[in-house]
Structure formats: structure tokens, C-alpha cells
Amino acid sequence: MSQKPVSVAIKADGGKVIIKLDREVSYIEIDPKNMLDMVEAMTAAAFEADTTLKPVGETLKASLIEKHRDVLLPRVTLLIGGMRNDIKKSNGEMAVTMIDVIFSEIFS
């Protein structure tokens, strides 16, 4: 027996992200395209709840870049200082280390 699809609304309100379902559910099966759309809506709502700004293309990108830059700049500065003293590391090894640190910050 198939039920009608669950209606989902996602918004920012009072500094929180609100996800409203139209009924009580215990299981949701979502195809990948719809899930990507939901994640995008949740990310936009989280940005708005956190900054009180509506995310619009470049505004969202600029905010995310600035957030990561604030964390990464001191981390990469220390990393470079430490690697500069290790003359055994090749440029390639140093590049891999820096990319690993940057990606772990961005994708975590």
C-alpha cells in the first residue's frame, strides 16, 4: 500500500532551521535529486539563520570562503612554517599536506 508523498518545508526562523513535515513519519525514502534539493534548501536556511542574510549565489559563496579563510589562514601559516624547517620534504609532499589540510576543513 503506497502513501502520498510527504510534504516538506524548510525555512529559517528565529536563528534556527525549521524542517516541517505535513504528517508524522517513521521512514522517508528520497531519490538523490530531491535529496540534493533538500540539502541545498537546508544549507540556505542554515546560512540565513546564522547570518540573518538570505543566501543569494555570490553572497553565500563569499561568506563560506571567508569562514574557511578565517580558519585556514592560521592553520596553513603554521603548516608552512613547520614544513619550511623540514628540508627532506619535496615540494610535492608539501603540496599534498597542504591540500589535505584544506580539504579536511572545507569538506568536514
Protein backbone atom coordinates (compact mmCIF):
# COMPACT_ATOMS: atom_id res chain seq x y z
CA MET A 1 0.00 0.00 0.00
CA SER A 2 1.52 3.27 -1.13
CA GLN A 3 1.02 6.53 0.74
CA LYS A 4 1.02 10.01 -0.73
CA PRO A 5 4.42 11.77 -0.67
CA VAL A 6 5.38 13.64 2.49
CA SER A 7 5.36 17.39 2.02
CA VAL A 8 8.48 19.10 3.40
CA ALA A 9 9.00 22.80 4.12
CA ILE A 10 12.41 24.17 5.12
CA LYS A 11 12.95 27.71 6.42
CA ALA A 12 14.96 29.84 8.82
CA ASP A 13 13.13 31.30 11.81
CA GLY A 14 14.49 32.84 15.00
CA GLY A 15 18.06 31.78 14.33
CA LYS A 16 17.08 28.13 13.80
CA VAL A 17 16.43 25.96 10.75
CA ILE A 18 12.87 24.63 10.74
CA ILE A 19 12.02 21.45 8.82
CA LYS A 20 8.26 20.92 8.77
CA LEU A 21 6.64 17.69 7.59
CA ASP A 22 2.92 17.54 6.82
CA ARG A 23 2.41 14.42 8.97
CA GLU A 24 4.17 12.09 11.40
CA VAL A 25 6.53 9.73 9.60
CA SER A 26 8.86 6.94 10.65
CA TYR A 27 10.60 6.39 7.32
CA ILE A 28 11.37 8.57 4.31
CA GLU A 29 12.81 7.34 1.03
CA ILE A 30 14.20 10.15 -1.14
CA ASP A 31 15.66 9.94 -4.62
CA PRO A 32 19.11 11.57 -4.99
CA LYS A 33 17.93 14.64 -6.97
CA ASN A 34 15.28 15.52 -4.38
CA MET A 35 17.78 14.95 -1.56
CA LEU A 36 20.25 17.33 -3.21
CA ASP A 37 17.47 19.92 -3.46
CA MET A 38 16.63 19.42 0.24
CA VAL A 39 20.28 19.76 1.27
CA GLU A 40 20.56 22.96 -0.74
CA ALA A 41 17.42 24.32 0.96
CA MET A 42 18.74 23.31 4.40
CA THR A 43 22.12 24.94 3.68
CA ALA A 44 20.41 28.15 2.57
CA ALA A 45 18.22 28.14 5.69
CA ALA A 46 21.24 27.48 7.93
CA PHE A 47 23.12 30.37 6.30
CA GLU A 48 20.13 32.67 6.80
CA ALA A 49 19.63 31.54 10.42
CA ASP A 50 23.33 32.06 11.16
CA THR A 51 23.85 35.38 9.38
CA THR A 52 20.30 36.77 9.02
CA LEU A 53 21.11 37.24 5.32
CA LYS A 54 19.27 35.46 2.54
CA PRO A 55 21.86 33.43 0.63
CA VAL A 56 21.96 34.51 -2.97
CA GLY A 57 24.65 32.97 -5.18
CA GLU A 58 27.77 35.05 -4.69
CA THR A 59 26.75 36.17 -1.17
CA LEU A 60 26.68 32.57 0.03
CA LYS A 61 29.96 31.73 -1.70
CA ALA A 62 31.69 34.81 -0.31
CA SER A 63 30.52 34.03 3.21
CA LEU A 64 31.66 30.41 3.01
CA ILE A 65 35.02 31.43 1.56
CA GLU A 66 35.54 33.98 4.34
CA LYS A 67 34.56 31.45 7.03
CA HIS A 68 37.05 28.89 5.72
CA ARG A 69 39.73 31.52 5.17
CA ASP A 70 39.49 32.62 8.81
CA VAL A 71 40.14 29.03 9.95
CA LEU A 72 42.64 28.05 7.27
CA LEU A 73 44.95 31.07 7.27
CA PRO A 74 46.49 30.47 10.70
CA ARG A 75 46.49 26.70 10.16
CA VAL A 76 48.28 26.91 6.79
CA THR A 77 50.68 29.55 8.15
CA LEU A 78 51.78 27.17 10.92
CA LEU A 79 51.94 24.30 8.46
CA ILE A 80 54.20 26.21 6.08
CA GLY A 81 56.46 27.28 8.95
CA GLY A 82 56.83 23.67 10.07
CA MET A 83 57.43 22.34 6.56
CA ARG A 84 59.97 25.07 5.78
CA ASN A 85 62.19 23.59 8.50
CA ASP A 86 61.89 20.04 7.10
CA ILE A 87 64.34 20.09 4.19
CA LYS A 88 63.63 16.42 3.45
CA LYS A 89 60.09 17.15 2.21
CA SER A 90 59.72 17.67 -1.53
CA ASN A 91 57.51 20.40 -2.95
CA GLY A 92 55.04 17.68 -3.97
CA GLU A 93 54.87 16.29 -0.43
CA MET A 94 54.31 19.78 0.98
CA ALA A 95 51.56 20.43 -1.59
CA VAL A 96 49.80 17.17 -0.70
CA THR A 97 49.96 18.01 3.02
CA MET A 98 48.51 21.49 2.43
CA ILE A 99 45.73 20.20 0.18
CA ASP A 100 44.83 17.52 2.74
CA VAL A 101 44.52 20.15 5.47
CA ILE A 102 42.48 22.50 3.25
CA PHE A 103 40.12 19.77 2.01
CA SER A 104 39.59 18.41 5.52
CA GLU A 105 38.46 21.89 6.62
CA ILE A 106 36.24 22.56 3.63
CA PHE A 107 34.59 19.14 3.42
CA SER A 108 34.16 18.38 7.12
